[in-house]
Amino acid sequence: MKLLLSTVVVCLILIGLVGMAARPPLIGSPAPEIALKDLQGQEVKLSDLHGKVVLLNFWATWCKPCKEEMPAMQVSYDKLRDKGLVVLAVNELEDAEKVAEHIKTHGHTFLVVMDHDNRVANRYGVVGLPASFLIDRQGIVREHIFGNLLTEERISELVRRYDTSPASVRR
C-alpha cells in the first residue's frame, strides 16, 4: 500500500512539473512558432522573421537580471539590426500598460510582445527568468541561455557564430 501511494505521489508531481513548462526546443531543431501581440496590439509571428537572426528573450519588469541585460540587448540591436538581428522580447504574465511604461522609460526600441497566459514560455520550457534563445536565419534554435546575463560581447559573438549568410556580422 505504501509503495502504491508513493508511486501515485511521484506521478502527480511529475505531471505537475510537465504542466508547468514543456521541454525546451532542442538545439539544432526548428524554433516553435510564436504568435503574440506587440504593445500596439499587432500580431507578431516568429515565422515572419524568417531570414533574420532572432534573439528571443523571455523577461518581466520585476526581474532584476532581466532589466540588467536589456541595455546590452538594446545596444546590440542598434548596432546589428541593419545586418539582420531582431531582438524579440517576450514579456511574461504582466499588464501591457506597465510593460509599455517600462519600455518607454528605458528607451528600448526592440520588439516586445506579451505572453499573457505563459503559453509561449511554456512551449519554450521557460521556468526561470531571464531565458534567451538564439534562432538563426533558417529558423533553427542554435543556443539557449537560461539565467546568464547577456552582454553586448556575448550577443555579438553568438550572432557572428550562427549568422552564416553572405552579409553576416563581422567585427
N, C-alpha and C. Protein backbone atom coordinates (compact mmCIF):
# COMPACT_ATOMS: atom_id res chain seq x y z
N MET A 1 0.82 -1.19 0.00
CA MET A 1 0.00 0.00 0.00
C MET A 1 0.87 1.27 0.00
N LYS A 2 1.95 1.25 0.83
CA LYS A 2 2.86 2.39 0.87
C LYS A 2 3.51 2.62 -0.49
N LEU A 3 3.90 1.55 -1.15
CA LEU A 3 4.53 1.64 -2.46
C LEU A 3 3.57 2.25 -3.48
N LEU A 4 2.33 1.83 -3.44
CA LEU A 4 1.31 2.36 -4.36
C LEU A 4 1.10 3.84 -4.11
N LEU A 5 0.99 4.23 -2.84
CA LEU A 5 0.80 5.63 -2.50
C LEU A 5 2.01 6.46 -2.94
N SER A 6 3.20 5.98 -2.72
CA SER A 6 4.42 6.68 -3.13
C SER A 6 4.47 6.83 -4.64
N THR A 7 4.11 5.81 -5.36
CA THR A 7 4.09 5.85 -6.82
C THR A 7 3.09 6.89 -7.31
N VAL A 8 1.91 6.93 -6.72
CA VAL A 8 0.88 7.90 -7.10
C VAL A 8 1.39 9.32 -6.85
N VAL A 9 2.00 9.56 -5.71
CA VAL A 9 2.51 10.90 -5.37
C VAL A 9 3.59 11.32 -6.37
N VAL A 10 4.52 10.45 -6.66
CA VAL A 10 5.58 10.76 -7.62
C VAL A 10 4.97 11.07 -8.99
N CYS A 11 4.00 10.29 -9.42
CA CYS A 11 3.35 10.53 -10.72
C CYS A 11 2.66 11.88 -10.74
N LEU A 12 1.98 12.25 -9.68
CA LEU A 12 1.30 13.54 -9.62
C LEU A 12 2.30 14.70 -9.67
N ILE A 13 3.41 14.54 -8.98
CA ILE A 13 4.45 15.58 -9.03
C ILE A 13 5.00 15.72 -10.44
N LEU A 14 5.29 14.62 -11.08
CA LEU A 14 5.81 14.67 -12.46
C LEU A 14 4.81 15.28 -13.42
N ILE A 15 3.55 14.93 -13.27
CA ILE A 15 2.51 15.52 -14.14
C ILE A 15 2.46 17.04 -13.92
N GLY A 16 2.56 17.46 -12.67
CA GLY A 16 2.56 18.89 -12.37
C GLY A 16 3.74 19.61 -12.98
N LEU A 17 4.92 19.01 -12.89
CA LEU A 17 6.10 19.63 -13.48
C LEU A 17 6.00 19.72 -14.99
N VAL A 18 5.47 18.69 -15.62
CA VAL A 18 5.31 18.71 -17.07
C VAL A 18 4.34 19.79 -17.48
N GLY A 19 3.31 20.01 -16.68
CA GLY A 19 2.32 21.04 -16.99
C GLY A 19 2.87 22.44 -16.87
N MET A 20 3.89 22.63 -16.02
CA MET A 20 4.46 23.96 -15.82
C MET A 20 5.20 24.45 -17.06
N ALA A 21 5.94 23.59 -17.68
CA ALA A 21 6.70 24.00 -18.85
C ALA A 21 7.07 22.78 -19.66
N ALA A 22 6.97 22.94 -20.94
CA ALA A 22 7.36 21.86 -21.83
C ALA A 22 8.87 21.78 -21.89
N ARG A 23 9.34 20.78 -22.55
CA ARG A 23 10.78 20.65 -22.77
C ARG A 23 11.24 21.75 -23.72
N PRO A 24 12.36 22.41 -23.42
CA PRO A 24 12.85 23.45 -24.33
C PRO A 24 13.14 22.88 -25.71
N PRO A 25 13.02 23.70 -26.74
CA PRO A 25 13.36 23.20 -28.07
C PRO A 25 14.82 22.76 -28.09
N LEU A 26 15.07 21.71 -28.81
CA LEU A 26 16.43 21.19 -28.89
C LEU A 26 17.28 22.06 -29.80
N ILE A 27 18.52 22.24 -29.39
CA ILE A 27 19.45 22.97 -30.25
C ILE A 27 19.58 22.19 -31.54
N GLY A 28 19.47 22.90 -32.65
CA GLY A 28 19.54 22.27 -33.97
C GLY A 28 18.18 21.94 -34.54
N SER A 29 17.12 22.20 -33.77
CA SER A 29 15.77 21.92 -34.27
C SER A 29 15.05 23.23 -34.59
N PRO A 30 13.99 23.15 -35.40
CA PRO A 30 13.24 24.37 -35.71
C PRO A 30 12.63 24.99 -34.45
N ALA A 31 12.65 26.30 -34.38
CA ALA A 31 12.06 27.01 -33.25
C ALA A 31 10.54 26.90 -33.32
N PRO A 32 9.90 26.60 -32.19
CA PRO A 32 8.43 26.57 -32.18
C PRO A 32 7.87 27.93 -32.57
N GLU A 33 6.78 27.91 -33.30
CA GLU A 33 6.14 29.15 -33.75
C GLU A 33 5.67 29.98 -32.57
N ILE A 34 5.73 31.27 -32.75
CA ILE A 34 5.22 32.23 -31.78
C ILE A 34 4.25 33.12 -32.53
N ALA A 35 3.11 33.39 -31.94
CA ALA A 35 2.15 34.36 -32.48
C ALA A 35 1.59 35.11 -31.29
N LEU A 36 2.17 36.29 -31.01
CA LEU A 36 1.76 37.10 -29.86
C LEU A 36 1.58 38.55 -30.31
N LYS A 37 0.84 39.30 -29.52
CA LYS A 37 0.61 40.72 -29.85
C LYS A 37 1.69 41.59 -29.23
N ASP A 38 2.09 42.61 -30.01
CA ASP A 38 3.05 43.57 -29.51
C ASP A 38 2.33 44.63 -28.66
N LEU A 39 3.04 45.64 -28.23
CA LEU A 39 2.45 46.65 -27.35
C LEU A 39 1.44 47.55 -28.05
N GLN A 40 1.41 47.49 -29.38
CA GLN A 40 0.41 48.24 -30.14
C GLN A 40 -0.77 47.35 -30.54
N GLY A 41 -0.76 46.11 -30.12
CA GLY A 41 -1.86 45.19 -30.42
C GLY A 41 -1.73 44.46 -31.74
N GLN A 42 -0.59 44.59 -32.41
CA GLN A 42 -0.37 43.92 -33.69
C GLN A 42 0.25 42.54 -33.46
N GLU A 43 -0.23 41.55 -34.20
CA GLU A 43 0.31 40.20 -34.05
C GLU A 43 1.70 40.11 -34.66
N VAL A 44 2.59 39.49 -33.92
CA VAL A 44 3.95 39.23 -34.38
C VAL A 44 4.13 37.72 -34.40
N LYS A 45 4.56 37.20 -35.55
CA LYS A 45 4.84 35.76 -35.67
C LYS A 45 6.33 35.56 -35.87
N LEU A 46 6.86 34.56 -35.22
CA LEU A 46 8.27 34.23 -35.40
C LEU A 46 8.54 33.89 -36.86
N SER A 47 7.62 33.20 -37.51
CA SER A 47 7.81 32.82 -38.91
C SER A 47 7.94 34.05 -39.82
N ASP A 48 7.38 35.18 -39.42
CA ASP A 48 7.52 36.41 -40.21
C ASP A 48 8.95 36.97 -40.14
N LEU A 49 9.74 36.48 -39.19
CA LEU A 49 11.11 36.96 -39.03
C LEU A 49 12.12 36.02 -39.69
N HIS A 50 11.61 35.03 -40.42
CA HIS A 50 12.49 34.09 -41.13
C HIS A 50 13.45 34.88 -42.02
N GLY A 51 14.71 34.50 -42.01
CA GLY A 51 15.72 35.24 -42.77
C GLY A 51 16.49 36.22 -41.89
N LYS A 52 16.07 36.38 -40.65
CA LYS A 52 16.75 37.23 -39.68
C LYS A 52 17.36 36.35 -38.59
N VAL A 53 18.34 36.87 -37.90
CA VAL A 53 18.86 36.23 -36.70
C VAL A 53 18.03 36.80 -35.55
N VAL A 54 17.39 35.93 -34.78
CA VAL A 54 16.47 36.38 -33.73
C VAL A 54 17.04 36.04 -32.36
N LEU A 55 17.16 37.07 -31.53
CA LEU A 55 17.45 36.87 -30.12
C LEU A 55 16.10 36.91 -29.41
N LEU A 56 15.62 35.74 -29.02
CA LEU A 56 14.33 35.59 -28.36
C LEU A 56 14.58 35.61 -26.86
N ASN A 57 14.05 36.62 -26.18
CA ASN A 57 14.33 36.80 -24.75
C ASN A 57 13.03 36.83 -23.96
N PHE A 58 12.95 35.99 -22.92
CA PHE A 58 11.80 35.96 -22.02
C PHE A 58 12.16 36.77 -20.78
N TRP A 59 11.27 37.68 -20.37
CA TRP A 59 11.60 38.61 -19.31
C TRP A 59 10.34 39.12 -18.60
N ALA A 60 10.55 39.86 -17.51
CA ALA A 60 9.48 40.54 -16.79
C ALA A 60 10.06 41.79 -16.13
N THR A 61 9.21 42.78 -15.88
CA THR A 61 9.69 44.04 -15.30
C THR A 61 10.17 43.86 -13.86
N TRP A 62 9.66 42.86 -13.16
CA TRP A 62 10.06 42.62 -11.76
C TRP A 62 11.37 41.85 -11.64
N CYS A 63 11.87 41.36 -12.77
CA CYS A 63 13.07 40.51 -12.79
C CYS A 63 14.32 41.40 -12.92
N LYS A 64 15.08 41.51 -11.82
CA LYS A 64 16.27 42.37 -11.82
C LYS A 64 17.30 41.97 -12.88
N PRO A 65 17.66 40.67 -13.00
CA PRO A 65 18.63 40.30 -14.05
C PRO A 65 18.10 40.61 -15.46
N CYS A 66 16.80 40.48 -15.65
CA CYS A 66 16.21 40.80 -16.96
C CYS A 66 16.47 42.27 -17.29
N LYS A 67 16.19 43.13 -16.33
CA LYS A 67 16.38 44.56 -16.54
C LYS A 67 17.85 44.91 -16.73
N GLU A 68 18.74 44.17 -16.06
CA GLU A 68 20.17 44.44 -16.17
C GLU A 68 20.73 44.08 -17.54
N GLU A 69 20.15 43.08 -18.22
CA GLU A 69 20.68 42.69 -19.52
C GLU A 69 20.03 43.45 -20.69
N MET A 70 18.93 44.13 -20.43
CA MET A 70 18.23 44.82 -21.52
C MET A 70 19.04 45.94 -22.19
N PRO A 71 19.84 46.72 -21.45
CA PRO A 71 20.67 47.71 -22.14
C PRO A 71 21.63 47.07 -23.15
N ALA A 72 22.21 45.94 -22.82
CA ALA A 72 23.11 45.25 -23.76
C ALA A 72 22.34 44.76 -24.97
N MET A 73 21.11 44.30 -24.75
CA MET A 73 20.27 43.87 -25.87
C MET A 73 19.97 45.06 -26.77
N GLN A 74 19.70 46.23 -26.18
CA GLN A 74 19.39 47.43 -26.96
C GLN A 74 20.60 47.87 -27.78
N VAL A 75 21.77 47.93 -27.15
CA VAL A 75 22.99 48.35 -27.86
C VAL A 75 23.28 47.38 -29.01
N SER A 76 23.14 46.09 -28.74
CA SER A 76 23.37 45.08 -29.79
C SER A 76 22.37 45.24 -30.92
N TYR A 77 21.13 45.47 -30.57
CA TYR A 77 20.09 45.68 -31.59
C TYR A 77 20.42 46.92 -32.42
N ASP A 78 20.80 48.01 -31.78
CA ASP A 78 21.15 49.23 -32.51
C ASP A 78 22.30 49.00 -33.47
N LYS A 79 23.31 48.24 -33.04
CA LYS A 79 24.49 48.01 -33.87
C LYS A 79 24.25 47.00 -34.99
N LEU A 80 23.39 46.00 -34.75
CA LEU A 80 23.30 44.87 -35.67
C LEU A 80 21.97 44.72 -36.42
N ARG A 81 21.00 45.58 -36.15
CA ARG A 81 19.70 45.40 -36.82
C ARG A 81 19.79 45.57 -38.33
N ASP A 82 20.68 46.45 -38.80
CA ASP A 82 20.83 46.63 -40.25
C ASP A 82 21.47 45.40 -40.90
N LYS A 83 22.07 44.54 -40.07
CA LYS A 83 22.68 43.32 -40.57
C LYS A 83 21.79 42.10 -40.31
N GLY A 84 20.56 42.35 -39.86
CA GLY A 84 19.60 41.26 -39.74
C GLY A 84 19.28 40.76 -38.36
N LEU A 85 19.77 41.43 -37.29
CA LEU A 85 19.42 40.99 -35.93
C LEU A 85 18.07 41.56 -35.52
N VAL A 86 17.23 40.70 -34.99
CA VAL A 86 15.97 41.12 -34.38
C VAL A 86 16.00 40.67 -32.93
N VAL A 87 15.70 41.58 -32.02
CA VAL A 87 15.51 41.22 -30.62
C VAL A 87 14.01 41.14 -30.41
N LEU A 88 13.55 39.96 -30.00
CA LEU A 88 12.13 39.74 -29.73
C LEU A 88 12.01 39.43 -28.24
N ALA A 89 11.55 40.43 -27.47
CA ALA A 89 11.44 40.31 -26.02
C ALA A 89 10.01 39.90 -25.67
N VAL A 90 9.88 38.73 -25.07
CA VAL A 90 8.57 38.18 -24.70
C VAL A 90 8.35 38.43 -23.22
N ASN A 91 7.40 39.32 -22.91
CA ASN A 91 7.09 39.59 -21.52
C ASN A 91 6.11 38.56 -21.00
N GLU A 92 6.39 38.06 -19.81
CA GLU A 92 5.56 37.02 -19.22
C GLU A 92 4.59 37.58 -18.19
N LEU A 93 3.29 37.35 -18.44
CA LEU A 93 2.22 37.48 -17.46
C LEU A 93 1.98 38.87 -16.89
N GLU A 94 2.47 39.92 -17.53
CA GLU A 94 2.29 41.25 -16.96
C GLU A 94 1.29 42.08 -17.77
N ASP A 95 0.90 43.19 -17.18
CA ASP A 95 -0.03 44.12 -17.79
C ASP A 95 0.68 44.92 -18.89
N ALA A 96 0.06 45.01 -20.05
CA ALA A 96 0.68 45.68 -21.20
C ALA A 96 1.01 47.14 -20.91
N GLU A 97 0.17 47.83 -20.15
CA GLU A 97 0.44 49.24 -19.84
C GLU A 97 1.70 49.38 -18.99
N LYS A 98 1.86 48.51 -18.02
CA LYS A 98 3.05 48.54 -17.17
C LYS A 98 4.30 48.26 -17.99
N VAL A 99 4.21 47.29 -18.90
CA VAL A 99 5.34 46.93 -19.75
C VAL A 99 5.67 48.08 -20.70
N ALA A 100 4.64 48.68 -21.30
CA ALA A 100 4.86 49.79 -22.22
C ALA A 100 5.55 50.96 -21.51
N GLU A 101 5.14 51.24 -20.27
CA GLU A 101 5.77 52.31 -19.50
C GLU A 101 7.24 51.99 -19.23
N HIS A 102 7.53 50.74 -18.89
CA HIS A 102 8.91 50.32 -18.64
C HIS A 102 9.76 50.49 -19.91
N ILE A 103 9.24 50.03 -21.02
CA ILE A 103 9.98 50.11 -22.30
C ILE A 103 10.23 51.56 -22.68
N LYS A 104 9.21 52.40 -22.53
CA LYS A 104 9.34 53.83 -22.85
C LYS A 104 10.36 54.50 -21.93
N THR A 105 10.27 54.24 -20.63
CA THR A 105 11.17 54.84 -19.65
C THR A 105 12.63 54.52 -19.95
N HIS A 106 12.88 53.30 -20.37
CA HIS A 106 14.26 52.87 -20.61
C HIS A 106 14.71 53.05 -22.06
N GLY A 107 13.82 53.54 -22.93
CA GLY A 107 14.19 53.86 -24.30
C GLY A 107 14.47 52.65 -25.18
N HIS A 108 13.88 51.51 -24.86
CA HIS A 108 14.09 50.31 -25.68
C HIS A 108 13.25 50.41 -26.96
N THR A 109 13.86 50.04 -28.07
CA THR A 109 13.18 50.12 -29.37
C THR A 109 13.03 48.77 -30.04
N PHE A 110 13.53 47.71 -29.40
CA PHE A 110 13.36 46.38 -29.99
C PHE A 110 11.92 45.92 -29.80
N LEU A 111 11.58 44.84 -30.47
CA LEU A 111 10.23 44.30 -30.48
C LEU A 111 9.87 43.67 -29.14
N VAL A 112 8.73 44.05 -28.58
CA VAL A 112 8.24 43.50 -27.32
C VAL A 112 6.85 42.93 -27.56
N VAL A 113 6.65 41.69 -27.17
CA VAL A 113 5.34 41.04 -27.28
C VAL A 113 4.92 40.53 -25.91
N MET A 114 3.61 40.31 -25.78
CA MET A 114 3.03 39.95 -24.49
C MET A 114 2.56 38.49 -24.49
N ASP A 115 3.07 37.74 -23.53
CA ASP A 115 2.67 36.34 -23.32
C ASP A 115 1.81 36.30 -22.05
N HIS A 116 0.54 36.77 -22.18
CA HIS A 116 -0.34 36.95 -21.03
C HIS A 116 -0.67 35.65 -20.31
N ASP A 117 -0.71 34.54 -21.03
CA ASP A 117 -1.09 33.27 -20.39
C ASP A 117 0.08 32.30 -20.25
N ASN A 118 1.28 32.78 -20.55
CA ASN A 118 2.50 31.98 -20.40
C ASN A 118 2.56 30.79 -21.37
N ARG A 119 1.71 30.78 -22.35
CA ARG A 119 1.65 29.67 -23.31
C ARG A 119 2.95 29.52 -24.08
N VAL A 120 3.50 30.62 -24.57
CA VAL A 120 4.73 30.55 -25.36
C VAL A 120 5.92 30.21 -24.46
N ALA A 121 5.99 30.82 -23.29
CA ALA A 121 7.08 30.49 -22.36
C ALA A 121 7.05 29.00 -22.03
N ASN A 122 5.87 28.45 -21.84
CA ASN A 122 5.76 27.02 -21.57
C ASN A 122 6.24 26.18 -22.75
N ARG A 123 5.90 26.60 -23.97
CA ARG A 123 6.35 25.85 -25.16
C ARG A 123 7.86 25.85 -25.27
N TYR A 124 8.49 26.90 -24.76
CA TYR A 124 9.94 27.01 -24.81
C TYR A 124 10.63 26.48 -23.55
N GLY A 125 9.85 25.93 -22.64
CA GLY A 125 10.42 25.32 -21.44
C GLY A 125 10.98 26.33 -20.45
N VAL A 126 10.49 27.54 -20.47
CA VAL A 126 10.99 28.58 -19.58
C VAL A 126 10.41 28.39 -18.18
N VAL A 127 11.29 28.21 -17.21
CA VAL A 127 10.84 28.08 -15.82
C VAL A 127 11.49 29.12 -14.92
N GLY A 128 12.40 29.90 -15.43
CA GLY A 128 13.04 30.97 -14.68
C GLY A 128 13.44 32.07 -15.64
N LEU A 129 13.57 33.27 -15.12
CA LEU A 129 13.92 34.42 -15.95
C LEU A 129 15.27 34.98 -15.51
N PRO A 130 16.00 35.58 -16.45
CA PRO A 130 15.74 35.64 -17.88
C PRO A 130 16.10 34.32 -18.57
N ALA A 131 15.51 34.15 -19.73
CA ALA A 131 15.82 33.00 -20.59
C ALA A 131 15.85 33.50 -22.02
N SER A 132 16.87 33.10 -22.75
CA SER A 132 17.01 33.56 -24.14
C SER A 132 17.35 32.40 -25.06
N PHE A 133 16.98 32.58 -26.32
CA PHE A 133 17.29 31.62 -27.37
C PHE A 133 17.82 32.40 -28.56
N LEU A 134 18.84 31.87 -29.21
CA LEU A 134 19.31 32.45 -30.46
C LEU A 134 18.81 31.56 -31.59
N ILE A 135 18.09 32.18 -32.51
CA ILE A 135 17.50 31.46 -33.64
C ILE A 135 18.14 32.00 -34.91
N ASP A 136 18.67 31.10 -35.75
CA ASP A 136 19.38 31.54 -36.95
C ASP A 136 18.41 31.95 -38.06
N ARG A 137 18.97 32.38 -39.18
CA ARG A 137 18.16 32.88 -40.30
C ARG A 137 17.24 31.83 -40.92
N GLN A 138 17.53 30.56 -40.68
CA GLN A 138 16.69 29.48 -41.20
C GLN A 138 15.63 29.04 -40.19
N GLY A 139 15.57 29.71 -39.02
CA GLY A 139 14.58 29.38 -38.01
C GLY A 139 14.98 28.24 -37.10
N ILE A 140 16.28 27.95 -37.03
CA ILE A 140 16.79 26.85 -36.21
C ILE A 140 17.32 27.41 -34.88
N VAL A 141 16.96 26.76 -33.78
CA VAL A 141 17.47 27.15 -32.46
C VAL A 141 18.94 26.76 -32.39
N ARG A 142 19.78 27.73 -32.12
CA ARG A 142 21.22 27.47 -32.06
C ARG A 142 21.77 27.52 -30.64
N GLU A 143 21.17 28.28 -29.77
CA GLU A 143 21.63 28.40 -28.38
C GLU A 143 20.43 28.65 -27.49
N HIS A 144 20.51 28.16 -26.25
CA HIS A 144 19.59 28.64 -25.22
C HIS A 144 20.42 29.03 -24.00
N ILE A 145 20.06 30.18 -23.46
CA ILE A 145 20.79 30.77 -22.36
C ILE A 145 19.78 31.00 -21.24
N PHE A 146 19.91 30.25 -20.14
CA PHE A 146 18.99 30.38 -19.02
C PHE A 146 19.71 31.00 -17.83
N GLY A 147 19.22 32.16 -17.40
CA GLY A 147 19.72 32.76 -16.17
C GLY A 147 21.03 33.52 -16.30
N ASN A 148 21.78 33.33 -17.36
CA ASN A 148 23.03 34.07 -17.53
C ASN A 148 22.72 35.44 -18.12
N LEU A 149 23.37 36.44 -17.61
CA LEU A 149 23.16 37.77 -18.16
C LEU A 149 23.80 37.87 -19.54
N LEU A 150 23.02 38.38 -20.46
CA LEU A 150 23.55 38.63 -21.80
C LEU A 150 24.33 39.94 -21.77
N THR A 151 25.50 39.91 -22.36
CA THR A 151 26.29 41.12 -22.52
C THR A 151 26.35 41.46 -23.99
N GLU A 152 26.75 42.66 -24.28
CA GLU A 152 26.91 43.07 -25.68
C GLU A 152 27.90 42.16 -26.39
N GLU A 153 29.00 41.82 -25.72
CA GLU A 153 30.02 40.96 -26.31
C GLU A 153 29.47 39.56 -26.59
N ARG A 154 28.72 39.02 -25.64
CA ARG A 154 28.15 37.68 -25.81
C ARG A 154 27.15 37.64 -26.97
N ILE A 155 26.32 38.65 -27.06
CA ILE A 155 25.34 38.71 -28.15
C ILE A 155 26.06 38.80 -29.49
N SER A 156 27.06 39.67 -29.59
CA SER A 156 27.82 39.80 -30.85
C SER A 156 28.48 38.49 -31.23
N GLU A 157 29.06 37.83 -30.24
CA GLU A 157 29.72 36.55 -30.50
C GLU A 157 28.73 35.50 -30.99
N LEU A 158 27.55 35.43 -30.37
CA LEU A 158 26.53 34.46 -30.79
C LEU A 158 26.04 34.75 -32.21
N VAL A 159 25.81 36.01 -32.49
CA VAL A 159 25.33 36.38 -33.82
C VAL A 159 26.39 36.05 -34.86
N ARG A 160 27.65 36.38 -34.59
CA ARG A 160 28.74 36.05 -35.53
C ARG A 160 28.83 34.55 -35.75
N ARG A 161 28.71 33.78 -34.68
CA ARG A 161 28.87 32.33 -34.77
C ARG A 161 27.77 31.69 -35.63
N TYR A 162 26.56 32.18 -35.52
CA TYR A 162 25.45 31.49 -36.18
C TYR A 162 24.87 32.22 -37.39
N ASP A 163 25.39 33.37 -37.72
CA ASP A 163 24.92 34.07 -38.91
C ASP A 163 25.81 33.65 -40.07
N THR A 164 25.30 32.73 -40.87
CA THR A 164 26.09 32.17 -41.97
C THR A 164 25.74 32.79 -43.32
N SER A 165 24.97 33.88 -43.31
CA SER A 165 24.61 34.49 -44.57
C SER A 165 25.79 35.25 -45.16
N PRO A 166 25.75 35.57 -46.45
CA PRO A 166 26.83 36.35 -47.06
C PRO A 166 27.02 37.71 -46.41
N ALA A 167 25.93 38.27 -45.88
CA ALA A 167 26.01 39.60 -45.25
C ALA A 167 26.15 39.46 -43.75
N SER A 168 26.84 38.41 -43.29
CA SER A 168 26.90 38.15 -41.86
C SER A 168 27.68 39.25 -41.12
N VAL A 169 27.45 39.28 -39.84
CA VAL A 169 28.03 40.30 -38.99
C VAL A 169 29.52 40.03 -38.78
N ARG A 170 30.33 41.04 -38.96
CA ARG A 170 31.79 40.93 -38.76
C ARG A 170 32.23 42.09 -37.89
N ARG A 171 33.26 41.85 -37.12
CA ARG A 171 33.86 42.94 -36.33
C ARG A 171 35.17 43.34 -36.91
